[in-house]
């Protein structure tokens, strides 16, 4: 049996069972008495906004950009080193 045929034949079982399991969770979570309001989230929002400022956001962005630039240069340097080494083995001489 080919792979595509097995997917067509047996693919419906995991999908159907997954949908049955996922659809059962809302029925278990509903009790009718819990209502979430914005005042319930107020302590969490205040704690988050107290930790985040413009300087921390700029610092995180600058760190991510610097790390990305470093990784790109390391990637280019690594490719150049591998290319030079493989060329040296093929030609029998080192060139830059």
PDB file of N, CA and C in Angstrom:
ATOM      1  N   UNK A   1       0.847  -1.171   0.000  1.00  0.00           N
ATOM      2  CA  UNK A   1       0.000   0.000   0.000  1.00  0.00           C
ATOM      3  C   UNK A   1       0.892   1.235   0.000  1.00  0.00           C
ATOM      4  N   UNK A   2       0.564   2.172  -0.857  1.00  0.00           N
ATOM      5  CA  UNK A   2       1.346   3.388  -0.947  1.00  0.00           C
ATOM      6  C   UNK A   2       0.985   4.326   0.202  1.00  0.00           C
ATOM      7  N   UNK A   3       1.896   5.258   0.463  1.00  0.00           N
ATOM      8  CA  UNK A   3       1.733   6.163   1.587  1.00  0.00           C
ATOM      9  C   UNK A   3       0.472   7.016   1.443  1.00  0.00           C
ATOM     10  N   UNK A   4       0.242   7.550   0.241  1.00  0.00           N
ATOM     11  CA  UNK A   4      -0.921   8.411   0.034  1.00  0.00           C
ATOM     12  C   UNK A   4      -2.219   7.637   0.250  1.00  0.00           C
ATOM     13  N   UNK A   5      -2.248   6.384  -0.198  1.00  0.00           N
ATOM     14  CA  UNK A   5      -3.447   5.569  -0.001  1.00  0.00           C
ATOM     15  C   UNK A   5      -3.698   5.301   1.477  1.00  0.00           C
ATOM     16  N   UNK A   6      -2.625   5.079   2.234  1.00  0.00           N
ATOM     17  CA  UNK A   6      -2.808   4.840   3.661  1.00  0.00           C
ATOM     18  C   UNK A   6      -3.297   6.093   4.382  1.00  0.00           C
ATOM     19  N   UNK A   7      -2.833   7.258   3.928  1.00  0.00           N
ATOM     20  CA  UNK A   7      -3.319   8.511   4.516  1.00  0.00           C
ATOM     21  C   UNK A   7      -4.807   8.675   4.209  1.00  0.00           C
ATOM     22  N   UNK A   8      -5.207   8.401   2.959  1.00  0.00           N
ATOM     23  CA  UNK A   8      -6.617   8.513   2.605  1.00  0.00           C
ATOM     24  C   UNK A   8      -7.465   7.524   3.392  1.00  0.00           C
ATOM     25  N   UNK A   9      -6.951   6.326   3.592  1.00  0.00           N
ATOM     26  CA  UNK A   9      -7.745   5.298   4.243  1.00  0.00           C
ATOM     27  C   UNK A   9      -7.810   5.496   5.758  1.00  0.00           C
ATOM     28  N   UNK A  10      -6.657   5.777   6.389  1.00  0.00           N
ATOM     29  CA  UNK A  10      -6.613   5.838   7.852  1.00  0.00           C
ATOM     30  C   UNK A  10      -6.512   7.249   8.402  1.00  0.00           C
ATOM     31  N   UNK A  11      -6.521   8.261   7.559  1.00  0.00           N
ATOM     32  CA  UNK A  11      -6.375   9.634   8.028  1.00  0.00           C
ATOM     33  C   UNK A  11      -7.595  10.166   8.739  1.00  0.00           C
ATOM     34  N   UNK A  12      -8.759   9.599   8.469  1.00  0.00           N
ATOM     35  CA  UNK A  12      -9.981  10.109   9.080  1.00  0.00           C
ATOM     36  C   UNK A  12     -10.091   9.729  10.549  1.00  0.00           C
ATOM     37  N   UNK A  13      -9.451   8.662  10.953  1.00  0.00           N
ATOM     38  CA  UNK A  13      -9.565   8.214  12.351  1.00  0.00           C
ATOM     39  C   UNK A  13      -8.931   9.211  13.312  1.00  0.00           C
ATOM     40  N   UNK A  14      -7.670   9.643  13.106  1.00  0.00           N
ATOM     41  CA  UNK A  14      -7.115  10.639  14.041  1.00  0.00           C
ATOM     42  C   UNK A  14      -7.847  11.973  13.992  1.00  0.00           C
ATOM     43  N   UNK A  15      -8.294  12.380  12.813  1.00  0.00           N
ATOM     44  CA  UNK A  15      -8.987  13.662  12.708  1.00  0.00           C
ATOM     45  C   UNK A  15     -10.319  13.610  13.454  1.00  0.00           C
ATOM     46  N   UNK A  16     -11.062  12.544  13.265  1.00  0.00           N
ATOM     47  CA  UNK A  16     -12.358  12.431  13.935  1.00  0.00           C
ATOM     48  C   UNK A  16     -12.198  12.328  15.448  1.00  0.00           C
ATOM     49  N   UNK A  17     -11.228  11.546  15.905  1.00  0.00           N
ATOM     50  CA  UNK A  17     -11.035  11.417  17.350  1.00  0.00           C
ATOM     51  C   UNK A  17     -10.517  12.723  17.944  1.00  0.00           C
ATOM     52  N   UNK A  18      -9.662  13.435  17.201  1.00  0.00           N
ATOM     53  CA  UNK A  18      -9.169  14.727  17.686  1.00  0.00           C
ATOM     54  C   UNK A  18     -10.286  15.744  17.809  1.00  0.00           C
ATOM     55  N   UNK A  19     -11.168  15.784  16.822  1.00  0.00           N
ATOM     56  CA  UNK A  19     -12.301  16.703  16.902  1.00  0.00           C
ATOM     57  C   UNK A  19     -13.239  16.344  18.047  1.00  0.00           C
ATOM     58  N   UNK A  20     -13.416  15.059  18.314  1.00  0.00           N
ATOM     59  CA  UNK A  20     -14.282  14.651  19.423  1.00  0.00           C
ATOM     60  C   UNK A  20     -13.689  15.076  20.761  1.00  0.00           C
ATOM     61  N   UNK A  21     -12.383  14.923  20.906  1.00  0.00           N
ATOM     62  CA  UNK A  21     -11.737  15.302  22.164  1.00  0.00           C
ATOM     63  C   UNK A  21     -11.783  16.808  22.366  1.00  0.00           C
ATOM     64  N   UNK A  22     -11.474  17.561  21.306  1.00  0.00           N
ATOM     65  CA  UNK A  22     -11.465  19.020  21.423  1.00  0.00           C
ATOM     66  C   UNK A  22     -12.863  19.560  21.696  1.00  0.00           C
ATOM     67  N   UNK A  23     -13.868  18.976  21.080  1.00  0.00           N
ATOM     68  CA  UNK A  23     -15.223  19.480  21.299  1.00  0.00           C
ATOM     69  C   UNK A  23     -15.756  19.129  22.682  1.00  0.00           C
ATOM     70  N   UNK A  24     -15.135  18.201  23.398  1.00  0.00           N
ATOM     71  CA  UNK A  24     -15.594  17.831  24.733  1.00  0.00           C
ATOM     72  C   UNK A  24     -15.134  18.838  25.790  1.00  0.00           C
ATOM     73  N   UNK A  25     -14.054  19.578  25.560  1.00  0.00           N
ATOM     74  CA  UNK A  25     -13.524  20.476  26.578  1.00  0.00           C
ATOM     75  C   UNK A  25     -14.446  21.629  26.935  1.00  0.00           C
ATOM     76  N   UNK A  26     -15.077  22.320  26.001  1.00  0.00           N
ATOM     77  CA  UNK A  26     -15.983  23.404  26.431  1.00  0.00           C
ATOM     78  C   UNK A  26     -17.133  22.911  27.302  1.00  0.00           C
ATOM     79  N   UNK A  27     -17.606  21.698  27.075  1.00  0.00           N
ATOM     80  CA  UNK A  27     -18.697  21.169  27.889  1.00  0.00           C
ATOM     81  C   UNK A  27     -18.232  20.921  29.317  1.00  0.00           C
ATOM     82  N   UNK A  28     -16.977  20.558  29.480  1.00  0.00           N
ATOM     83  CA  UNK A  28     -16.459  20.320  30.822  1.00  0.00           C
ATOM     84  C   UNK A  28     -16.160  21.625  31.551  1.00  0.00           C
ATOM     85  N   UNK A  29     -15.845  22.705  30.812  1.00  0.00           N
ATOM     86  CA  UNK A  29     -15.440  23.950  31.441  1.00  0.00           C
ATOM     87  C   UNK A  29     -16.616  24.839  31.828  1.00  0.00           C
ATOM     88  N   UNK A  30     -17.781  24.592  31.306  1.00  0.00           N
ATOM     89  CA  UNK A  30     -18.919  25.472  31.550  1.00  0.00           C
ATOM     90  C   UNK A  30     -19.590  25.108  32.876  1.00  0.00           C
ATOM     91  N   UNK A  31     -19.658  26.092  33.781  1.00  0.00           N
ATOM     92  CA  UNK A  31     -20.420  25.873  35.008  1.00  0.00           C
ATOM     93  C   UNK A  31     -21.463  26.969  35.211  1.00  0.00           C
ATOM     94  N   UNK A  32     -21.438  28.012  34.375  1.00  0.00           N
ATOM     95  CA  UNK A  32     -22.484  29.011  34.392  1.00  0.00           C
ATOM     96  C   UNK A  32     -22.336  30.099  35.429  1.00  0.00           C
ATOM     97  N   UNK A  33     -21.388  30.016  36.354  1.00  0.00           N
ATOM     98  CA  UNK A  33     -21.283  31.021  37.407  1.00  0.00           C
ATOM     99  C   UNK A  33     -20.066  31.915  37.259  1.00  0.00           C
ATOM    100  N   UNK A  34     -19.101  31.556  36.464  1.00  0.00           N
ATOM    101  CA  UNK A  34     -17.871  32.323  36.356  1.00  0.00           C
ATOM    102  C   UNK A  34     -17.968  33.308  35.201  1.00  0.00           C
ATOM    103  N   UNK A  35     -17.825  34.595  35.523  1.00  0.00           N
ATOM    104  CA  UNK A  35     -17.796  35.636  34.508  1.00  0.00           C
ATOM    105  C   UNK A  35     -16.510  36.415  34.711  1.00  0.00           C
ATOM    106  N   UNK A  36     -15.691  36.490  33.691  1.00  0.00           N
ATOM    107  CA  UNK A  36     -14.424  37.206  33.772  1.00  0.00           C
ATOM    108  C   UNK A  36     -14.641  38.626  33.297  1.00  0.00           C
ATOM    109  N   UNK A  37     -14.233  39.582  34.133  1.00  0.00           N
ATOM    110  CA  UNK A  37     -14.362  40.996  33.780  1.00  0.00           C
ATOM    111  C   UNK A  37     -12.979  41.614  33.687  1.00  0.00           C
ATOM    112  N   UNK A  38     -12.923  42.864  33.269  1.00  0.00           N
ATOM    113  CA  UNK A  38     -11.638  43.548  33.126  1.00  0.00           C
ATOM    114  C   UNK A  38     -10.984  43.781  34.486  1.00  0.00           C
ATOM    115  N   UNK A  39     -11.763  43.879  35.554  1.00  0.00           N
ATOM    116  CA  UNK A  39     -11.164  44.075  36.880  1.00  0.00           C
ATOM    117  C   UNK A  39     -10.411  42.827  37.340  1.00  0.00           C
ATOM    118  N   UNK A  40     -10.769  41.654  36.809  1.00  0.00           N
ATOM    119  CA  UNK A  40     -10.020  40.439  37.145  1.00  0.00           C
ATOM    120  C   UNK A  40      -8.622  40.455  36.532  1.00  0.00           C
ATOM    121  N   UNK A  41      -8.491  41.120  35.396  1.00  0.00           N
ATOM    122  CA  UNK A  41      -7.201  41.177  34.714  1.00  0.00           C
ATOM    123  C   UNK A  41      -6.359  42.367  35.172  1.00  0.00           C
ATOM    124  N   UNK A  42      -6.889  43.275  35.942  1.00  0.00           N
ATOM    125  CA  UNK A  42      -6.184  44.501  36.322  1.00  0.00           C
ATOM    126  C   UNK A  42      -4.851  44.243  37.015  1.00  0.00           C
ATOM    127  N   UNK A  43      -4.734  43.332  38.000  1.00  0.00           N
ATOM    128  CA  UNK A  43      -3.419  43.118  38.617  1.00  0.00           C
ATOM    129  C   UNK A  43      -2.374  42.594  37.631  1.00  0.00           C
ATOM    130  N   UNK A  44      -2.797  41.747  36.718  1.00  0.00           N
ATOM    131  CA  UNK A  44      -1.852  41.191  35.745  1.00  0.00           C
ATOM    132  C   UNK A  44      -1.399  42.281  34.777  1.00  0.00           C
ATOM    133  N   UNK A  45      -2.330  43.103  34.325  1.00  0.00           N
ATOM    134  CA  UNK A  45      -1.979  44.173  33.386  1.00  0.00           C
ATOM    135  C   UNK A  45      -1.080  45.198  34.059  1.00  0.00           C
ATOM    136  N   UNK A  46      -1.357  45.540  35.309  1.00  0.00           N
ATOM    137  CA  UNK A  46      -0.511  46.496  36.027  1.00  0.00           C
ATOM    138  C   UNK A  46       0.891  45.951  36.234  1.00  0.00           C
ATOM    139  N   UNK A  47       1.003  44.658  36.551  1.00  0.00           N
ATOM    140  CA  UNK A  47       2.327  44.065  36.729  1.00  0.00           C
ATOM    141  C   UNK A  47       3.109  44.045  35.418  1.00  0.00           C
ATOM    142  N   UNK A  48       2.414  43.751  34.319  1.00  0.00           N
ATOM    143  CA  UNK A  48       3.088  43.715  33.020  1.00  0.00           C
ATOM    144  C   UNK A  48       3.528  45.110  32.593  1.00  0.00           C
ATOM    145  N   UNK A  49       2.656  46.104  32.728  1.00  0.00           N
ATOM    146  CA  UNK A  49       3.015  47.454  32.306  1.00  0.00           C
ATOM    147  C   UNK A  49       4.048  48.074  33.240  1.00  0.00           C
ATOM    148  N   UNK A  50       4.114  47.616  34.468  1.00  0.00           N
ATOM    149  CA  UNK A  50       5.142  48.115  35.379  1.00  0.00           C
ATOM    150  C   UNK A  50       6.526  47.609  35.010  1.00  0.00           C
ATOM    151  N   UNK A  51       6.617  46.463  34.367  1.00  0.00           N
ATOM    152  CA  UNK A  51       7.904  45.883  33.977  1.00  0.00           C
ATOM    153  C   UNK A  51       8.363  46.341  32.599  1.00  0.00           C
ATOM    154  N   UNK A  52       7.452  46.767  31.754  1.00  0.00           N
ATOM    155  CA  UNK A  52       7.792  47.121  30.383  1.00  0.00           C
ATOM    156  C   UNK A  52       7.851  48.633  30.251  1.00  0.00           C
ATOM    157  N   UNK A  53       8.935  49.117  29.662  1.00  0.00           N
ATOM    158  CA  UNK A  53       9.057  50.541  29.363  1.00  0.00           C
ATOM    159  C   UNK A  53       9.650  50.681  27.966  1.00  0.00           C
ATOM    160  N   UNK A  54       9.735  51.912  27.496  1.00  0.00           N
ATOM    161  CA  UNK A  54      10.275  52.157  26.157  1.00  0.00           C
ATOM    162  C   UNK A  54      11.733  51.723  26.088  1.00  0.00           C
ATOM    163  N   UNK A  55      12.480  51.985  27.144  1.00  0.00           N
ATOM    164  CA  UNK A  55      13.902  51.629  27.118  1.00  0.00           C
ATOM    165  C   UNK A  55      14.109  50.115  27.100  1.00  0.00           C
ATOM    166  N   UNK A  56      13.268  49.350  27.794  1.00  0.00           N
ATOM    167  CA  UNK A  56      13.436  47.897  27.750  1.00  0.00           C
ATOM    168  C   UNK A  56      13.046  47.335  26.385  1.00  0.00           C
ATOM    169  N   UNK A  57      12.010  47.900  25.767  1.00  0.00           N
ATOM    170  CA  UNK A  57      11.611  47.438  24.433  1.00  0.00           C
ATOM    171  C   UNK A  57      12.703  47.750  23.416  1.00  0.00           C
ATOM    172  N   UNK A  58      13.249  48.966  23.474  1.00  0.00           N
ATOM    173  CA  UNK A  58      14.328  49.343  22.564  1.00  0.00           C
ATOM    174  C   UNK A  58      15.553  48.464  22.809  1.00  0.00           C
ATOM    175  N   UNK A  59      15.842  48.166  24.062  1.00  0.00           N
ATOM    176  CA  UNK A  59      16.977  47.299  24.374  1.00  0.00           C
ATOM    177  C   UNK A  59      16.804  45.891  23.828  1.00  0.00           C
ATOM    178  N   UNK A  60      15.606  45.355  23.951  1.00  0.00           N
ATOM    179  CA  UNK A  60      15.348  44.011  23.423  1.00  0.00           C
ATOM    180  C   UNK A  60      15.460  44.001  21.903  1.00  0.00           C
ATOM    181  N   UNK A  61      14.910  45.015  21.246  1.00  0.00           N
ATOM    182  CA  UNK A  61      14.993  45.085  19.785  1.00  0.00           C
ATOM    183  C   UNK A  61      16.441  45.239  19.330  1.00  0.00           C
ATOM    184  N   UNK A  62      17.206  46.092  20.013  1.00  0.00           N
ATOM    185  CA  UNK A  62      18.608  46.286  19.649  1.00  0.00           C
ATOM    186  C   UNK A  62      19.410  45.004  19.852  1.00  0.00           C
ATOM    187  N   UNK A  63      19.135  44.293  20.929  1.00  0.00           N
ATOM    188  CA  UNK A  63      19.837  43.029  21.179  1.00  0.00           C
ATOM    189  C   UNK A  63      19.502  41.990  20.115  1.00  0.00           C
ATOM    190  N   UNK A  64      18.238  41.932  19.722  1.00  0.00           N
ATOM    191  CA  UNK A  64      17.829  40.973  18.696  1.00  0.00           C
ATOM    192  C   UNK A  64      18.468  41.310  17.351  1.00  0.00           C
ATOM    193  N   UNK A  65      18.513  42.589  17.010  1.00  0.00           N
ATOM    194  CA  UNK A  65      19.140  42.987  15.742  1.00  0.00           C
ATOM    195  C   UNK A  65      20.629  42.689  15.764  1.00  0.00           C
ATOM    196  N   UNK A  66      21.305  43.001  16.869  1.00  0.00           N
ATOM    197  CA  UNK A  66      22.740  42.727  16.972  1.00  0.00           C
ATOM    198  C   UNK A  66      23.024  41.228  16.895  1.00  0.00           C
ATOM    199  N   UNK A  67      22.195  40.435  17.562  1.00  0.00           N
ATOM    200  CA  UNK A  67      22.385  38.985  17.498  1.00  0.00           C
ATOM    201  C   UNK A  67      22.131  38.467  16.093  1.00  0.00           C
ATOM    202  N   UNK A  68      21.130  39.006  15.414  1.00  0.00           N
ATOM    203  CA  UNK A  68      20.848  38.595  14.041  1.00  0.00           C
ATOM    204  C   UNK A  68      21.982  38.936  13.096  1.00  0.00           C
ATOM    205  N   UNK A  69      22.549  40.135  13.233  1.00  0.00           N
ATOM    206  CA  UNK A  69      23.685  40.522  12.395  1.00  0.00           C
ATOM    207  C   UNK A  69      24.878  39.617  12.667  1.00  0.00           C
ATOM    208  N   UNK A  70      25.117  39.336  13.941  1.00  0.00           N
ATOM    209  CA  UNK A  70      26.225  38.430  14.286  1.00  0.00           C
ATOM    210  C   UNK A  70      26.031  37.042  13.704  1.00  0.00           C
ATOM    211  N   UNK A  71      24.813  36.519  13.762  1.00  0.00           N
ATOM    212  CA  UNK A  71      24.554  35.190  13.207  1.00  0.00           C
ATOM    213  C   UNK A  71      24.713  35.176  11.693  1.00  0.00           C
ATOM    214  N   UNK A  72      24.280  36.259  11.020  1.00  0.00           N
ATOM    215  CA  UNK A  72      24.442  36.322   9.563  1.00  0.00           C
ATOM    216  C   UNK A  72      25.922  36.330   9.189  1.00  0.00           C
ATOM    217  N   UNK A  73      26.719  37.138   9.876  1.00  0.00           N
ATOM    218  CA  UNK A  73      28.150  37.166   9.569  1.00  0.00           C
ATOM    219  C   UNK A  73      28.825  35.843   9.895  1.00  0.00           C
ATOM    220  N   UNK A  74      28.397  35.185  10.975  1.00  0.00           N
ATOM    221  CA  UNK A  74      28.959  33.862  11.281  1.00  0.00           C
ATOM    222  C   UNK A  74      28.583  32.858  10.193  1.00  0.00           C
ATOM    223  N   UNK A  75      27.349  32.930   9.698  1.00  0.00           N
ATOM    224  CA  UNK A  75      26.908  32.031   8.625  1.00  0.00           C
ATOM    225  C   UNK A  75      27.745  32.256   7.360  1.00  0.00           C
ATOM    226  N   UNK A  76      27.917  33.536   6.975  1.00  0.00           N
ATOM    227  CA  UNK A  76      28.716  33.821   5.788  1.00  0.00           C
ATOM    228  C   UNK A  76      30.167  33.388   5.981  1.00  0.00           C
ATOM    229  N   UNK A  77      30.730  33.660   7.141  1.00  0.00           N
ATOM    230  CA  UNK A  77      32.111  33.257   7.412  1.00  0.00           C
ATOM    231  C   UNK A  77      32.277  31.749   7.414  1.00  0.00           C
ATOM    232  N   UNK A  78      31.310  31.049   7.995  1.00  0.00           N
ATOM    233  CA  UNK A  78      31.378  29.582   8.008  1.00  0.00           C
ATOM    234  C   UNK A  78      31.288  29.012   6.612  1.00  0.00           C
ATOM    235  N   UNK A  79      30.399  29.567   5.791  1.00  0.00           N
ATOM    236  CA  UNK A  79      30.298  29.092   4.405  1.00  0.00           C
ATOM    237  C   UNK A  79      31.583  29.369   3.643  1.00  0.00           C
ATOM    238  N   UNK A  80      32.184  30.541   3.852  1.00  0.00           N
ATOM    239  CA  UNK A  80      33.440  30.888   3.180  1.00  0.00           C
ATOM    240  C   UNK A  80      34.551  29.944   3.613  1.00  0.00           C
ATOM    241  N   UNK A  81      34.603  29.631   4.906  1.00  0.00           N
ATOM    242  CA  UNK A  81      35.650  28.733   5.401  1.00  0.00           C
ATOM    243  C   UNK A  81      35.476  27.323   4.829  1.00  0.00           C
ATOM    244  N   UNK A  82      34.251  26.833   4.794  1.00  0.00           N
ATOM    245  CA  UNK A  82      34.010  25.495   4.243  1.00  0.00           C
ATOM    246  C   UNK A  82      34.321  25.473   2.755  1.00  0.00           C
ATOM    247  N   UNK A  83      33.920  26.531   2.028  1.00  0.00           N
ATOM    248  CA  UNK A  83      34.191  26.599   0.600  1.00  0.00           C
ATOM    249  C   UNK A  83      35.688  26.642   0.325  1.00  0.00           C
ATOM    250  N   UNK A  84      36.438  27.419   1.134  1.00  0.00           N
ATOM    251  CA  UNK A  84      37.887  27.504   0.961  1.00  0.00           C
ATOM    252  C   UNK A  84      38.549  26.168   1.261  1.00  0.00           C
ATOM    253  N   UNK A  85      38.114  25.519   2.316  1.00  0.00           N
ATOM    254  CA  UNK A  85      38.695  24.234   2.688  1.00  0.00           C
ATOM    255  C   UNK A  85      38.405  23.163   1.635  1.00  0.00           C
ATOM    256  N   UNK A  86      37.172  23.107   1.148  1.00  0.00           N
ATOM    257  CA  UNK A  86      36.831  22.116   0.126  1.00  0.00           C
ATOM    258  C   UNK A  86      37.559  22.410  -1.187  1.00  0.00           C
ATOM    259  N   UNK A  87      37.722  23.679  -1.516  1.00  0.00           N
ATOM    260  CA  UNK A  87      38.460  24.047  -2.716  1.00  0.00           C
ATOM    261  C   UNK A  87      39.927  23.647  -2.583  1.00  0.00           C
ATOM    262  N   UNK A  88      40.478  23.795  -1.389  1.00  0.00           N
ATOM    263  CA  UNK A  88      41.871  23.405  -1.171  1.00  0.00           C
ATOM    264  C   UNK A  88      42.044  21.907  -1.348  1.00  0.00           C
ATOM    265  N   UNK A  89      41.091  21.124  -0.895  1.00  0.00           N
ATOM    266  CA  UNK A  89      41.189  19.675  -1.079  1.00  0.00           C
ATOM    267  C   UNK A  89      41.026  19.291  -2.551  1.00  0.00           C
ATOM    268  N   UNK A  90      40.131  19.973  -3.260  1.00  0.00           N
ATOM    269  CA  UNK A  90      39.897  19.615  -4.667  1.00  0.00           C
ATOM    270  C   UNK A  90      41.061  20.029  -5.565  1.00  0.00           C
ATOM    271  N   UNK A  91      41.556  21.268  -5.392  1.00  0.00           N
ATOM    272  CA  UNK A  91      42.593  21.799  -6.270  1.00  0.00           C
ATOM    273  C   UNK A  91      44.006  21.469  -5.792  1.00  0.00           C
ATOM    274  N   UNK A  92      44.154  21.214  -4.508  1.00  0.00           N
ATOM    275  CA  UNK A  92      45.487  20.947  -3.968  1.00  0.00           C
ATOM    276  C   UNK A  92      46.233  22.199  -3.583  1.00  0.00           C
ATOM    277  N   UNK A  93      45.560  23.355  -3.550  1.00  0.00           N
ATOM    278  CA  UNK A  93      46.216  24.598  -3.124  1.00  0.00           C
ATOM    279  C   UNK A  93      45.197  25.490  -2.428  1.00  0.00           C
ATOM    280  N   UNK A  94      45.678  26.365  -1.569  1.00  0.00           N
ATOM    281  CA  UNK A  94      44.824  27.263  -0.814  1.00  0.00           C
ATOM    282  C   UNK A  94      44.757  28.606  -1.507  1.00  0.00           C
ATOM    283  N   UNK A  95      43.558  29.116  -1.732  1.00  0.00           N
ATOM    284  CA  UNK A  95      43.383  30.433  -2.320  1.00  0.00           C
ATOM    285  C   UNK A  95      42.306  31.171  -1.545  1.00  0.00           C
ATOM    286  N   UNK A  96      42.375  32.495  -1.548  1.00  0.00           N
ATOM    287  CA  UNK A  96      41.376  33.286  -0.822  1.00  0.00           C
ATOM    288  C   UNK A  96      40.443  33.903  -1.747  1.00  0.00           C
TER     289      UNK A  96
END
